[in-house]
Amino acid sequence: MSSPVILITGASGFVGQYLLPALRQRWPQAQLEAACLASELPESLADCRWHQLNILDAQAVARCVNELKPDLTIHLAAQANVGLSFSQADLTWQVNLQGSLNVFNALATLPAAALLYVSSSDVYGGSFRLGRPLTEQDVLQPLNPYAASKAAADLAAGTLAATSGVRVARARPFNHSGPGQALGFVLPDFAAQIAQIEAGQLAGLKIGNLQAARDFMHVRDVVAAYVALATELLTPDSALQSGEAINIASGSATPVQQVLDTLLQQAKVEVVVETDPTRLRASDIPLAAGDATRLRELTGWQPTLDLQHIVNDVLQDWRQRATLNNG
């Protein structure tokens, strides 16, 4: 399909800024329909059509889907901050589950549609205690409201595939970072503090649990996986089974201590590090890594950017922000 209609929800978010250009590169003639909340419309609206859409408004979602009749919908919109999911659990459930159901129900009315639902590796939760890279067959045992709401929507996407004509893939990405990511995630949290210390805006670096190991990837690699899965969804004879869950992972876990050490090696000043008890999570999992064999079998995808590259990009981003704040 050379010129598909592709609807992207949550398009103005961190991942969206990388996904939209990647989709344009893959399908130069595609009709890209980008949707986000009115308050999040970007200043630059080039290269795709933007739509104000609150996924909690079921009627608005139905109108949007019926008007556009997308060949493919990539559902990114979510409340993705784990910390916020504790203090705003109701909102998290509404956006991540009910908002997703609104999208799924609208797509089910189309004669032909495909859905890439962006789930999360966090849905595995307690299964990470097995201490090995997890496969898609491992049990979902979410340990926080964010993960639970994503797991529920993940299962609902599987049900959509089983009960409708919608062709579905459930992507389960592991930790990914890059320039533009908000605070509330380990790498930008560290990088922002180091940039502020270098700029004389902060005295010391506060940390949480450094013993945990996570499967870190660059956002560009994860977006490449989304595009590869989107290609499979739009390919009639693809080996992808509708409803399949697909891990997006490097396959190896990097200790958070190593991430911090890599950042500190690049710091331009001496950095004092101190543990902040408020950053220690009760449900912390020692090791979280994924097995992406299925994704490789389907698409040949492999991550291309290593930890050093990720750290460089994120730290440079936060240095620029710190400079702007000093200006």
C-alpha atoms as a PDB file:
ATOM      1  CA  MET A   1       0.000   0.000   0.000  1.00  0.00           C
ATOM      2  CA  SER A   2       1.827   3.088  -1.274  1.00  0.00           C
ATOM      3  CA  SER A   3      -0.480   5.779   0.085  1.00  0.00           C
ATOM      4  CA  PRO A   4      -2.237   4.534   3.235  1.00  0.00           C
ATOM      5  CA  VAL A   5      -4.311   6.722   5.525  1.00  0.00           C
ATOM      6  CA  ILE A   6      -2.594   6.515   8.926  1.00  0.00           C
ATOM      7  CA  LEU A   7      -4.120   7.927  12.116  1.00  0.00           C
ATOM      8  CA  ILE A   8      -1.747   8.507  15.031  1.00  0.00           C
ATOM      9  CA  THR A   9      -3.264   9.255  18.444  1.00  0.00           C
ATOM     10  CA  GLY A  10      -1.119  11.082  21.014  1.00  0.00           C
ATOM     11  CA  ALA A  11       0.947  12.308  18.081  1.00  0.00           C
ATOM     12  CA  SER A  12       2.285  15.420  19.846  1.00  0.00           C
ATOM     13  CA  GLY A  13       3.996  13.382  22.574  1.00  0.00           C
ATOM     14  CA  PHE A  14       7.630  12.340  22.995  1.00  0.00           C
ATOM     15  CA  VAL A  15       7.445   9.350  20.637  1.00  0.00           C
ATOM     16  CA  GLY A  16       5.200  11.113  18.119  1.00  0.00           C
ATOM     17  CA  GLN A  17       7.886  13.648  17.213  1.00  0.00           C
ATOM     18  CA  TYR A  18      10.046  10.737  15.997  1.00  0.00           C
ATOM     19  CA  LEU A  19       7.271   8.554  14.603  1.00  0.00           C
ATOM     20  CA  LEU A  20       5.689  11.095  12.228  1.00  0.00           C
ATOM     21  CA  PRO A  21       8.895  11.738  10.203  1.00  0.00           C
ATOM     22  CA  ALA A  22       9.668   7.989  10.194  1.00  0.00           C
ATOM     23  CA  LEU A  23       6.218   7.200   8.786  1.00  0.00           C
ATOM     24  CA  ARG A  24       6.623   9.937   6.164  1.00  0.00           C
ATOM     25  CA  GLN A  25       9.968   8.460   5.127  1.00  0.00           C
ATOM     26  CA  ARG A  26       8.478   4.950   4.875  1.00  0.00           C
ATOM     27  CA  TRP A  27       5.331   6.070   3.010  1.00  0.00           C
ATOM     28  CA  PRO A  28       6.097   9.381   1.220  1.00  0.00           C
ATOM     29  CA  GLN A  29       2.564   9.482  -0.239  1.00  0.00           C
ATOM     30  CA  ALA A  30       0.749   8.535   2.980  1.00  0.00           C
ATOM     31  CA  GLN A  31      -2.087  10.619   4.362  1.00  0.00           C
ATOM     32  CA  LEU A  32      -0.834  11.196   7.911  1.00  0.00           C
ATOM     33  CA  GLU A  33      -3.594  12.200  10.331  1.00  0.00           C
ATOM     34  CA  ALA A  34      -2.127  13.279  13.673  1.00  0.00           C
ATOM     35  CA  ALA A  35      -4.416  13.586  16.691  1.00  0.00           C
ATOM     36  CA  CYS A  36      -3.799  15.073  20.128  1.00  0.00           C
ATOM     37  CA  LEU A  37      -5.450  17.173  22.825  1.00  0.00           C
ATOM     38  CA  ALA A  38      -6.176  20.772  21.831  1.00  0.00           C
ATOM     39  CA  SER A  39      -3.760  21.993  24.525  1.00  0.00           C
ATOM     40  CA  GLU A  40      -0.953  19.900  22.988  1.00  0.00           C
ATOM     41  CA  LEU A  41      -1.174  20.982  19.345  1.00  0.00           C
ATOM     42  CA  PRO A  42       2.413  21.637  18.206  1.00  0.00           C
ATOM     43  CA  GLU A  43       3.513  24.968  16.778  1.00  0.00           C
ATOM     44  CA  SER A  44       4.755  23.345  13.587  1.00  0.00           C
ATOM     45  CA  LEU A  45       1.914  21.580  11.776  1.00  0.00           C
ATOM     46  CA  ALA A  46       3.824  20.694   8.611  1.00  0.00           C
ATOM     47  CA  ASP A  47       3.774  17.403   6.717  1.00  0.00           C
ATOM     48  CA  CYS A  48       0.572  15.975   8.210  1.00  0.00           C
ATOM     49  CA  ARG A  49      -2.956  17.041   9.144  1.00  0.00           C
ATOM     50  CA  TRP A  50      -3.561  17.716  12.819  1.00  0.00           C
ATOM     51  CA  HIS A  51      -6.787  17.023  14.669  1.00  0.00           C
ATOM     52  CA  GLN A  52      -7.873  18.106  18.135  1.00  0.00           C
ATOM     53  CA  LEU A  53      -9.080  14.924  19.784  1.00  0.00           C
ATOM     54  CA  ASN A  54      -9.758  13.860  23.359  1.00  0.00           C
ATOM     55  CA  ILE A  55      -9.898  10.057  23.329  1.00  0.00           C
ATOM     56  CA  LEU A  56     -12.162  10.168  26.412  1.00  0.00           C
ATOM     57  CA  ASP A  57     -14.896  11.628  24.185  1.00  0.00           C
ATOM     58  CA  ALA A  58     -16.287   8.476  22.566  1.00  0.00           C
ATOM     59  CA  GLN A  59     -18.485  10.382  20.112  1.00  0.00           C
ATOM     60  CA  ALA A  60     -15.592  12.579  18.971  1.00  0.00           C
ATOM     61  CA  VAL A  61     -13.420   9.500  18.467  1.00  0.00           C
ATOM     62  CA  ALA A  62     -16.173   7.786  16.457  1.00  0.00           C
ATOM     63  CA  ARG A  63     -16.625  10.902  14.275  1.00  0.00           C
ATOM     64  CA  CYS A  64     -12.889  11.198  13.667  1.00  0.00           C
ATOM     65  CA  VAL A  65     -12.498   7.526  12.727  1.00  0.00           C
ATOM     66  CA  ASN A  66     -15.605   7.476  10.514  1.00  0.00           C
ATOM     67  CA  GLU A  67     -14.500  10.626   8.712  1.00  0.00           C
ATOM     68  CA  LEU A  68     -10.897   9.568   8.117  1.00  0.00           C
ATOM     69  CA  LYS A  69     -11.441   5.815   7.672  1.00  0.00           C
ATOM     70  CA  PRO A  70      -7.784   5.078   8.463  1.00  0.00           C
ATOM     71  CA  ASP A  71      -6.146   2.020   6.916  1.00  0.00           C
ATOM     72  CA  LEU A  72      -3.934   1.940  10.005  1.00  0.00           C
ATOM     73  CA  THR A  73      -4.271   3.506  13.454  1.00  0.00           C
ATOM     74  CA  ILE A  74      -1.236   3.757  15.731  1.00  0.00           C
ATOM     75  CA  HIS A  75      -2.592   4.272  19.230  1.00  0.00           C
ATOM     76  CA  LEU A  76       0.065   6.123  21.251  1.00  0.00           C
ATOM     77  CA  ALA A  77      -2.156   8.320  23.434  1.00  0.00           C
ATOM     78  CA  ALA A  78      -1.713   7.433  27.110  1.00  0.00           C
ATOM     79  CA  GLN A  79      -0.954   8.662  30.607  1.00  0.00           C
ATOM     80  CA  ALA A  80       2.539   7.141  30.708  1.00  0.00           C
ATOM     81  CA  ASN A  81       4.031   8.417  33.964  1.00  0.00           C
ATOM     82  CA  VAL A  82       4.190   5.645  36.586  1.00  0.00           C
ATOM     83  CA  GLY A  83       4.574   8.070  39.500  1.00  0.00           C
ATOM     84  CA  LEU A  84       1.580  10.096  38.343  1.00  0.00           C
ATOM     85  CA  SER A  85      -0.457   6.899  38.019  1.00  0.00           C
ATOM     86  CA  PHE A  86      -0.415   6.549  41.823  1.00  0.00           C
ATOM     87  CA  SER A  87      -1.519  10.121  42.560  1.00  0.00           C
ATOM     88  CA  GLN A  88      -3.954  10.237  39.592  1.00  0.00           C
ATOM     89  CA  ALA A  89      -5.087   6.626  39.324  1.00  0.00           C
ATOM     90  CA  ASP A  90      -8.609   7.433  38.102  1.00  0.00           C
ATOM     91  CA  LEU A  91      -7.328   9.611  35.250  1.00  0.00           C
ATOM     92  CA  THR A  92      -4.751   6.959  34.332  1.00  0.00           C
ATOM     93  CA  TRP A  93      -7.433   4.255  34.081  1.00  0.00           C
ATOM     94  CA  GLN A  94      -9.784   6.523  32.137  1.00  0.00           C
ATOM     95  CA  VAL A  95      -7.185   7.533  29.550  1.00  0.00           C
ATOM     96  CA  ASN A  96      -5.350   4.232  29.214  1.00  0.00           C
ATOM     97  CA  LEU A  97      -8.325   1.870  29.295  1.00  0.00           C
ATOM     98  CA  GLN A  98     -11.541   3.761  28.492  1.00  0.00           C
ATOM     99  CA  GLY A  99      -9.800   6.021  25.976  1.00  0.00           C
ATOM    100  CA  SER A 100      -8.358   2.947  24.256  1.00  0.00           C
ATOM    101  CA  LEU A 101     -11.758   1.210  24.245  1.00  0.00           C
ATOM    102  CA  ASN A 102     -13.239   4.284  22.550  1.00  0.00           C
ATOM    103  CA  VAL A 103     -10.630   3.995  19.795  1.00  0.00           C
ATOM    104  CA  PHE A 104     -11.069   0.217  19.486  1.00  0.00           C
ATOM    105  CA  ASN A 105     -14.873   0.434  19.323  1.00  0.00           C
ATOM    106  CA  ALA A 106     -14.700   3.082  16.593  1.00  0.00           C
ATOM    107  CA  LEU A 107     -12.268   1.007  14.506  1.00  0.00           C
ATOM    108  CA  ALA A 108     -14.502  -2.070  14.823  1.00  0.00           C
ATOM    109  CA  THR A 109     -17.176  -0.268  12.768  1.00  0.00           C
ATOM    110  CA  LEU A 110     -14.904   0.046   9.708  1.00  0.00           C
ATOM    111  CA  PRO A 111     -15.035  -2.602   6.976  1.00  0.00           C
ATOM    112  CA  ALA A 112     -11.229  -2.840   6.948  1.00  0.00           C
ATOM    113  CA  ALA A 113      -8.848  -1.429   9.515  1.00  0.00           C
ATOM    114  CA  ALA A 114      -5.531  -2.193  11.179  1.00  0.00           C
ATOM    115  CA  LEU A 115      -4.382  -1.207  14.675  1.00  0.00           C
ATOM    116  CA  LEU A 116      -0.931  -0.967  16.199  1.00  0.00           C
ATOM    117  CA  TYR A 117      -1.642  -0.713  19.906  1.00  0.00           C
ATOM    118  CA  VAL A 118       1.368   0.581  21.816  1.00  0.00           C
ATOM    119  CA  SER A 119       1.318  -1.294  25.104  1.00  0.00           C
ATOM    120  CA  SER A 120       4.247  -1.401  27.561  1.00  0.00           C
ATOM    121  CA  SER A 121       6.771  -3.852  28.967  1.00  0.00           C
ATOM    122  CA  ASP A 122       5.509  -2.712  32.375  1.00  0.00           C
ATOM    123  CA  VAL A 123       2.531  -5.045  31.912  1.00  0.00           C
ATOM    124  CA  TYR A 124       4.788  -8.014  32.778  1.00  0.00           C
ATOM    125  CA  GLY A 125       5.458  -6.621  36.265  1.00  0.00           C
ATOM    126  CA  GLY A 126       5.950  -9.482  38.695  1.00  0.00           C
ATOM    127  CA  SER A 127       6.987 -11.860  35.909  1.00  0.00           C
ATOM    128  CA  PHE A 128      10.331 -10.033  35.757  1.00  0.00           C
ATOM    129  CA  ARG A 129      11.171 -11.797  39.026  1.00  0.00           C
ATOM    130  CA  LEU A 130      11.909 -14.843  36.856  1.00  0.00           C
ATOM    131  CA  GLY A 131      15.241 -13.075  36.291  1.00  0.00           C
ATOM    132  CA  ARG A 132      15.482 -13.639  32.516  1.00  0.00           C
ATOM    133  CA  PRO A 133      14.456 -11.781  29.364  1.00  0.00           C
ATOM    134  CA  LEU A 134      10.703 -12.279  29.056  1.00  0.00           C
ATOM    135  CA  THR A 135       8.833 -13.508  25.993  1.00  0.00           C
ATOM    136  CA  GLU A 136       5.323 -12.577  24.890  1.00  0.00           C
ATOM    137  CA  GLN A 137       4.060 -15.813  26.467  1.00  0.00           C
ATOM    138  CA  ASP A 138       5.022 -14.742  29.997  1.00  0.00           C
ATOM    139  CA  VAL A 139       2.208 -13.822  32.376  1.00  0.00           C
ATOM    140  CA  LEU A 140       1.022 -10.217  32.781  1.00  0.00           C
ATOM    141  CA  GLN A 141       1.426  -9.264  36.465  1.00  0.00           C
ATOM    142  CA  PRO A 142       1.267  -5.442  36.612  1.00  0.00           C
ATOM    143  CA  LEU A 143       2.560  -3.817  39.788  1.00  0.00           C
ATOM    144  CA  ASN A 144       1.315  -0.212  39.493  1.00  0.00           C
ATOM    145  CA  PRO A 145      -1.800   1.587  38.206  1.00  0.00           C
ATOM    146  CA  TYR A 146      -0.099   2.603  34.950  1.00  0.00           C
ATOM    147  CA  ALA A 147       0.935  -0.986  34.183  1.00  0.00           C
ATOM    148  CA  ALA A 148      -2.466  -2.374  35.190  1.00  0.00           C
ATOM    149  CA  SER A 149      -4.344   0.074  32.963  1.00  0.00           C
ATOM    150  CA  LYS A 150      -2.026  -0.690  30.025  1.00  0.00           C
ATOM    151  CA  ALA A 151      -2.383  -4.438  30.611  1.00  0.00           C
ATOM    152  CA  ALA A 152      -6.184  -4.122  30.564  1.00  0.00           C
ATOM    153  CA  ALA A 153      -6.083  -2.205  27.274  1.00  0.00           C
ATOM    154  CA  ASP A 154      -3.528  -4.691  25.899  1.00  0.00           C
ATOM    155  CA  LEU A 155      -5.981  -7.531  26.612  1.00  0.00           C
ATOM    156  CA  ALA A 156      -8.828  -5.495  25.123  1.00  0.00           C
ATOM    157  CA  ALA A 157      -6.798  -5.059  21.928  1.00  0.00           C
ATOM    158  CA  GLY A 158      -6.389  -8.829  21.797  1.00  0.00           C
ATOM    159  CA  THR A 159     -10.147  -9.208  22.213  1.00  0.00           C
ATOM    160  CA  LEU A 160     -10.725  -6.694  19.394  1.00  0.00           C
ATOM    161  CA  ALA A 161      -8.660  -8.903  17.080  1.00  0.00           C
ATOM    162  CA  ALA A 162     -10.670 -11.972  18.107  1.00  0.00           C
ATOM    163  CA  THR A 163     -14.119 -10.406  17.768  1.00  0.00           C
ATOM    164  CA  SER A 164     -13.866  -8.033  14.795  1.00  0.00           C
ATOM    165  CA  GLY A 165     -12.290  -7.639  11.384  1.00  0.00           C
ATOM    166  CA  VAL A 166      -9.645  -5.254  12.729  1.00  0.00           C
ATOM    167  CA  ARG A 167      -6.096  -6.513  12.143  1.00  0.00           C
ATOM    168  CA  VAL A 168      -4.201  -5.913  15.404  1.00  0.00           C
ATOM    169  CA  ALA A 169      -0.609  -5.950  16.650  1.00  0.00           C
ATOM    170  CA  ARG A 170       0.157  -5.277  20.314  1.00  0.00           C
ATOM    171  CA  ALA A 171       3.621  -3.720  20.666  1.00  0.00           C
ATOM    172  CA  ARG A 172       5.249  -4.069  24.086  1.00  0.00           C
ATOM    173  CA  PRO A 173       8.211  -1.664  24.081  1.00  0.00           C
ATOM    174  CA  PHE A 174      10.809  -1.761  26.842  1.00  0.00           C
ATOM    175  CA  ASN A 175      12.523   1.354  28.263  1.00  0.00           C
ATOM    176  CA  HIS A 176      13.287   3.899  25.572  1.00  0.00           C
ATOM    177  CA  SER A 177      14.711   7.365  25.822  1.00  0.00           C
ATOM    178  CA  GLY A 178      16.003  10.227  23.710  1.00  0.00           C
ATOM    179  CA  PRO A 179      15.895  14.017  23.309  1.00  0.00           C
ATOM    180  CA  GLY A 180      12.507  15.483  24.171  1.00  0.00           C
ATOM    181  CA  GLN A 181      11.531  12.937  26.818  1.00  0.00           C
ATOM    182  CA  ALA A 182       9.829  14.447  29.868  1.00  0.00           C
ATOM    183  CA  LEU A 183      11.023  14.126  33.436  1.00  0.00           C
ATOM    184  CA  GLY A 184       9.708  11.200  35.464  1.00  0.00           C
ATOM    185  CA  PHE A 185      11.917   8.640  33.699  1.00  0.00           C
ATOM    186  CA  VAL A 186      15.331   7.587  34.966  1.00  0.00           C
ATOM    187  CA  LEU A 187      17.608   8.791  32.154  1.00  0.00           C
ATOM    188  CA  PRO A 188      16.129  12.277  31.639  1.00  0.00           C
ATOM    189  CA  ASP A 189      15.863  12.680  35.433  1.00  0.00           C
ATOM    190  CA  PHE A 190      19.613  12.069  35.810  1.00  0.00           C
ATOM    191  CA  ALA A 191      20.596  14.049  32.693  1.00  0.00           C
ATOM    192  CA  ALA A 192      18.467  17.073  33.643  1.00  0.00           C
ATOM    193  CA  GLN A 193      20.062  17.248  37.092  1.00  0.00           C
ATOM    194  CA  ILE A 194      23.601  16.975  35.686  1.00  0.00           C
ATOM    195  CA  ALA A 195      22.862  19.727  33.142  1.00  0.00           C
ATOM    196  CA  GLN A 196      21.485  21.934  35.929  1.00  0.00           C
ATOM    197  CA  ILE A 197      24.543  21.252  38.113  1.00  0.00           C
ATOM    198  CA  GLU A 198      26.824  22.210  35.205  1.00  0.00           C
ATOM    199  CA  ALA A 199      24.806  25.419  34.741  1.00  0.00           C
ATOM    200  CA  GLY A 200      25.066  26.260  38.463  1.00  0.00           C
ATOM    201  CA  GLN A 201      21.322  25.786  38.973  1.00  0.00           C
ATOM    202  CA  LEU A 202      21.540  22.766  41.281  1.00  0.00           C
ATOM    203  CA  ALA A 203      23.872  21.622  44.066  1.00  0.00           C
ATOM    204  CA  GLY A 204      23.728  17.821  43.857  1.00  0.00           C
ATOM    205  CA  LEU A 205      22.279  14.832  42.016  1.00  0.00           C
ATOM    206  CA  LYS A 206      19.474  12.919  43.763  1.00  0.00           C
ATOM    207  CA  ILE A 207      19.052   9.261  42.883  1.00  0.00           C
ATOM    208  CA  GLY A 208      16.815   6.290  43.654  1.00  0.00           C
ATOM    209  CA  ASN A 209      17.570   2.581  43.296  1.00  0.00           C
ATOM    210  CA  LEU A 210      20.761   2.068  41.259  1.00  0.00           C
ATOM    211  CA  GLN A 211      20.766  -1.731  41.572  1.00  0.00           C
ATOM    212  CA  ALA A 212      17.847  -2.235  39.186  1.00  0.00           C
ATOM    213  CA  ALA A 213      18.758  -3.276  35.612  1.00  0.00           C
ATOM    214  CA  ARG A 214      16.616  -2.260  32.649  1.00  0.00           C
ATOM    215  CA  ASP A 215      16.450  -2.944  28.910  1.00  0.00           C
ATOM    216  CA  PHE A 216      17.320   0.527  27.543  1.00  0.00           C
ATOM    217  CA  MET A 217      16.843   1.553  23.905  1.00  0.00           C
ATOM    218  CA  HIS A 218      16.972   4.748  21.866  1.00  0.00           C
ATOM    219  CA  VAL A 219      13.541   6.077  20.907  1.00  0.00           C
ATOM    220  CA  ARG A 220      14.632   6.044  17.257  1.00  0.00           C
ATOM    221  CA  ASP A 221      15.151   2.271  17.413  1.00  0.00           C
ATOM    222  CA  VAL A 222      11.735   1.756  19.012  1.00  0.00           C
ATOM    223  CA  VAL A 223      10.094   3.936  16.363  1.00  0.00           C
ATOM    224  CA  ALA A 224      11.837   1.863  13.678  1.00  0.00           C
ATOM    225  CA  ALA A 225      10.173  -1.190  15.223  1.00  0.00           C
ATOM    226  CA  TYR A 226       6.765   0.533  15.127  1.00  0.00           C
ATOM    227  CA  VAL A 227       7.248   1.312  11.431  1.00  0.00           C
ATOM    228  CA  ALA A 228       8.312  -2.292  10.766  1.00  0.00           C
ATOM    229  CA  LEU A 229       5.181  -3.576  12.550  1.00  0.00           C
ATOM    230  CA  ALA A 230       3.018  -1.041  10.713  1.00  0.00           C
ATOM    231  CA  THR A 231       4.427  -2.421   7.466  1.00  0.00           C
ATOM    232  CA  GLU A 232       3.458  -5.953   8.500  1.00  0.00           C
ATOM    233  CA  LEU A 233      -0.061  -4.821   9.380  1.00  0.00           C
ATOM    234  CA  LEU A 234      -0.482  -3.275   5.929  1.00  0.00           C
ATOM    235  CA  THR A 235       0.964  -6.318   4.132  1.00  0.00           C
ATOM    236  CA  PRO A 236      -1.839  -8.796   3.277  1.00  0.00           C
ATOM    237  CA  ASP A 237       0.363 -11.919   3.249  1.00  0.00           C
ATOM    238  CA  SER A 238       2.396 -11.040   6.362  1.00  0.00           C
ATOM    239  CA  ALA A 239       3.230 -13.802   8.844  1.00  0.00           C
ATOM    240  CA  LEU A 240       1.961 -11.527  11.622  1.00  0.00           C
ATOM    241  CA  GLN A 241      -1.076 -13.100  13.297  1.00  0.00           C
ATOM    242  CA  SER A 242      -3.797 -10.586  14.163  1.00  0.00           C
ATOM    243  CA  GLY A 243      -3.829  -9.975  17.911  1.00  0.00           C
ATOM    244  CA  GLU A 244      -0.190 -10.948  18.411  1.00  0.00           C
ATOM    245  CA  ALA A 245       1.814  -9.317  21.188  1.00  0.00           C
ATOM    246  CA  ILE A 246       5.308  -8.320  20.064  1.00  0.00           C
ATOM    247  CA  ASN A 247       8.142  -7.328  22.416  1.00  0.00           C
ATOM    248  CA  ILE A 248      10.398  -4.457  21.370  1.00  0.00           C
ATOM    249  CA  ALA A 249      13.587  -5.002  23.363  1.00  0.00           C
ATOM    250  CA  SER A 250      17.357  -5.124  23.098  1.00  0.00           C
ATOM    251  CA  GLY A 251      17.445  -8.407  25.024  1.00  0.00           C
ATOM    252  CA  SER A 252      19.929  -7.255  27.645  1.00  0.00           C
ATOM    253  CA  ALA A 253      19.528  -5.343  30.903  1.00  0.00           C
ATOM    254  CA  THR A 254      21.816  -2.463  31.862  1.00  0.00           C
ATOM    255  CA  PRO A 255      22.122  -1.615  35.580  1.00  0.00           C
ATOM    256  CA  VAL A 256      20.893   1.902  36.380  1.00  0.00           C
ATOM    257  CA  GLN A 257      24.280   2.359  38.114  1.00  0.00           C
ATOM    258  CA  GLN A 258      25.974   1.921  34.706  1.00  0.00           C
ATOM    259  CA  VAL A 259      23.645   4.504  33.152  1.00  0.00           C
ATOM    260  CA  LEU A 260      24.562   6.952  35.918  1.00  0.00           C
ATOM    261  CA  ASP A 261      28.296   6.193  35.579  1.00  0.00           C
ATOM    262  CA  THR A 262      28.124   6.799  31.809  1.00  0.00           C
ATOM    263  CA  LEU A 263      26.458  10.158  32.438  1.00  0.00           C
ATOM    264  CA  LEU A 264      28.906  11.159  35.184  1.00  0.00           C
ATOM    265  CA  GLN A 265      31.851  10.401  32.877  1.00  0.00           C
ATOM    266  CA  GLN A 266      30.516  13.092  30.554  1.00  0.00           C
ATOM    267  CA  ALA A 267      29.779  15.662  33.254  1.00  0.00           C
ATOM    268  CA  LYS A 268      31.818  18.864  32.935  1.00  0.00           C
ATOM    269  CA  VAL A 269      31.960  19.416  36.700  1.00  0.00           C
ATOM    270  CA  GLU A 270      32.286  17.315  39.842  1.00  0.00           C
ATOM    271  CA  VAL A 271      28.853  15.897  40.739  1.00  0.00           C
ATOM    272  CA  VAL A 272      27.805  15.086  44.310  1.00  0.00           C
ATOM    273  CA  VAL A 273      25.408  12.113  44.333  1.00  0.00           C
ATOM    274  CA  GLU A 274      22.924  11.494  47.151  1.00  0.00           C
ATOM    275  CA  THR A 275      20.110   8.953  47.613  1.00  0.00           C
ATOM    276  CA  ASP A 276      16.612  10.389  47.804  1.00  0.00           C
ATOM    277  CA  PRO A 277      14.243   8.060  49.730  1.00  0.00           C
ATOM    278  CA  THR A 278      11.240   9.439  47.812  1.00  0.00           C
ATOM    279  CA  ARG A 279      12.728   8.020  44.595  1.00  0.00           C
ATOM    280  CA  LEU A 280      12.839   4.457  45.945  1.00  0.00           C
ATOM    281  CA  ARG A 281       9.846   2.453  44.719  1.00  0.00           C
ATOM    282  CA  ALA A 282       8.416  -0.338  46.864  1.00  0.00           C
ATOM    283  CA  SER A 283       7.711  -2.574  43.854  1.00  0.00           C
ATOM    284  CA  ASP A 284      11.099  -2.162  42.194  1.00  0.00           C
ATOM    285  CA  ILE A 285      12.036  -5.149  40.050  1.00  0.00           C
ATOM    286  CA  PRO A 286      15.754  -6.059  40.083  1.00  0.00           C
ATOM    287  CA  LEU A 287      15.949  -6.957  36.378  1.00  0.00           C
ATOM    288  CA  ALA A 288      13.660  -6.153  33.456  1.00  0.00           C
ATOM    289  CA  ALA A 289      14.655  -7.304  29.978  1.00  0.00           C
ATOM    290  CA  GLY A 290      12.762  -8.573  26.969  1.00  0.00           C
ATOM    291  CA  ASP A 291      13.204 -11.247  24.328  1.00  0.00           C
ATOM    292  CA  ALA A 292      12.467  -9.732  20.890  1.00  0.00           C
ATOM    293  CA  THR A 293      12.958 -12.932  18.877  1.00  0.00           C
ATOM    294  CA  ARG A 294       9.460 -12.717  17.372  1.00  0.00           C
ATOM    295  CA  LEU A 295      10.003  -9.142  16.167  1.00  0.00           C
ATOM    296  CA  ARG A 296      13.311 -10.142  14.559  1.00  0.00           C
ATOM    297  CA  GLU A 297      11.677 -13.158  12.866  1.00  0.00           C
ATOM    298  CA  LEU A 298       8.894 -11.005  11.456  1.00  0.00           C
ATOM    299  CA  THR A 299      10.827  -7.917  10.379  1.00  0.00           C
ATOM    300  CA  GLY A 300      14.584  -8.391  10.820  1.00  0.00           C
ATOM    301  CA  TRP A 301      14.584  -5.451  13.284  1.00  0.00           C
ATOM    302  CA  GLN A 302      17.622  -4.919  15.495  1.00  0.00           C
ATOM    303  CA  PRO A 303      18.495  -1.969  17.762  1.00  0.00           C
ATOM    304  CA  THR A 304      21.288   0.120  16.225  1.00  0.00           C
ATOM    305  CA  LEU A 305      22.072   2.777  18.875  1.00  0.00           C
ATOM    306  CA  ASP A 306      23.962   1.797  22.045  1.00  0.00           C
ATOM    307  CA  LEU A 307      23.796   3.186  25.583  1.00  0.00           C
ATOM    308  CA  GLN A 308      26.582   5.702  24.919  1.00  0.00           C
ATOM    309  CA  HIS A 309      24.589   7.128  22.012  1.00  0.00           C
ATOM    310  CA  ILE A 310      21.393   7.348  24.091  1.00  0.00           C
ATOM    311  CA  VAL A 311      23.197   9.051  26.987  1.00  0.00           C
ATOM    312  CA  ASN A 312      24.947  11.528  24.653  1.00  0.00           C
ATOM    313  CA  ASP A 313      21.687  12.540  23.011  1.00  0.00           C
ATOM    314  CA  VAL A 314      19.709  12.928  26.239  1.00  0.00           C
ATOM    315  CA  LEU A 315      22.439  14.850  28.069  1.00  0.00           C
ATOM    316  CA  GLN A 316      22.936  17.250  25.137  1.00  0.00           C
ATOM    317  CA  ASP A 317      19.193  17.862  25.050  1.00  0.00           C
ATOM    318  CA  TRP A 318      19.088  18.785  28.735  1.00  0.00           C
ATOM    319  CA  ARG A 319      22.210  20.957  28.454  1.00  0.00           C
ATOM    320  CA  GLN A 320      20.429  23.000  25.787  1.00  0.00           C
ATOM    321  CA  ARG A 321      17.368  23.317  28.027  1.00  0.00           C
ATOM    322  CA  ALA A 322      19.511  24.415  30.991  1.00  0.00           C
ATOM    323  CA  THR A 323      21.190  27.046  28.778  1.00  0.00           C
ATOM    324  CA  LEU A 324      17.785  28.376  27.717  1.00  0.00           C
ATOM    325  CA  ASN A 325      16.723  28.569  31.367  1.00  0.00           C
ATOM    326  CA  ASN A 326      19.853  30.579  32.140  1.00  0.00           C
ATOM    327  CA  GLY A 327      19.202  32.919  29.235  1.00  0.00           C
END
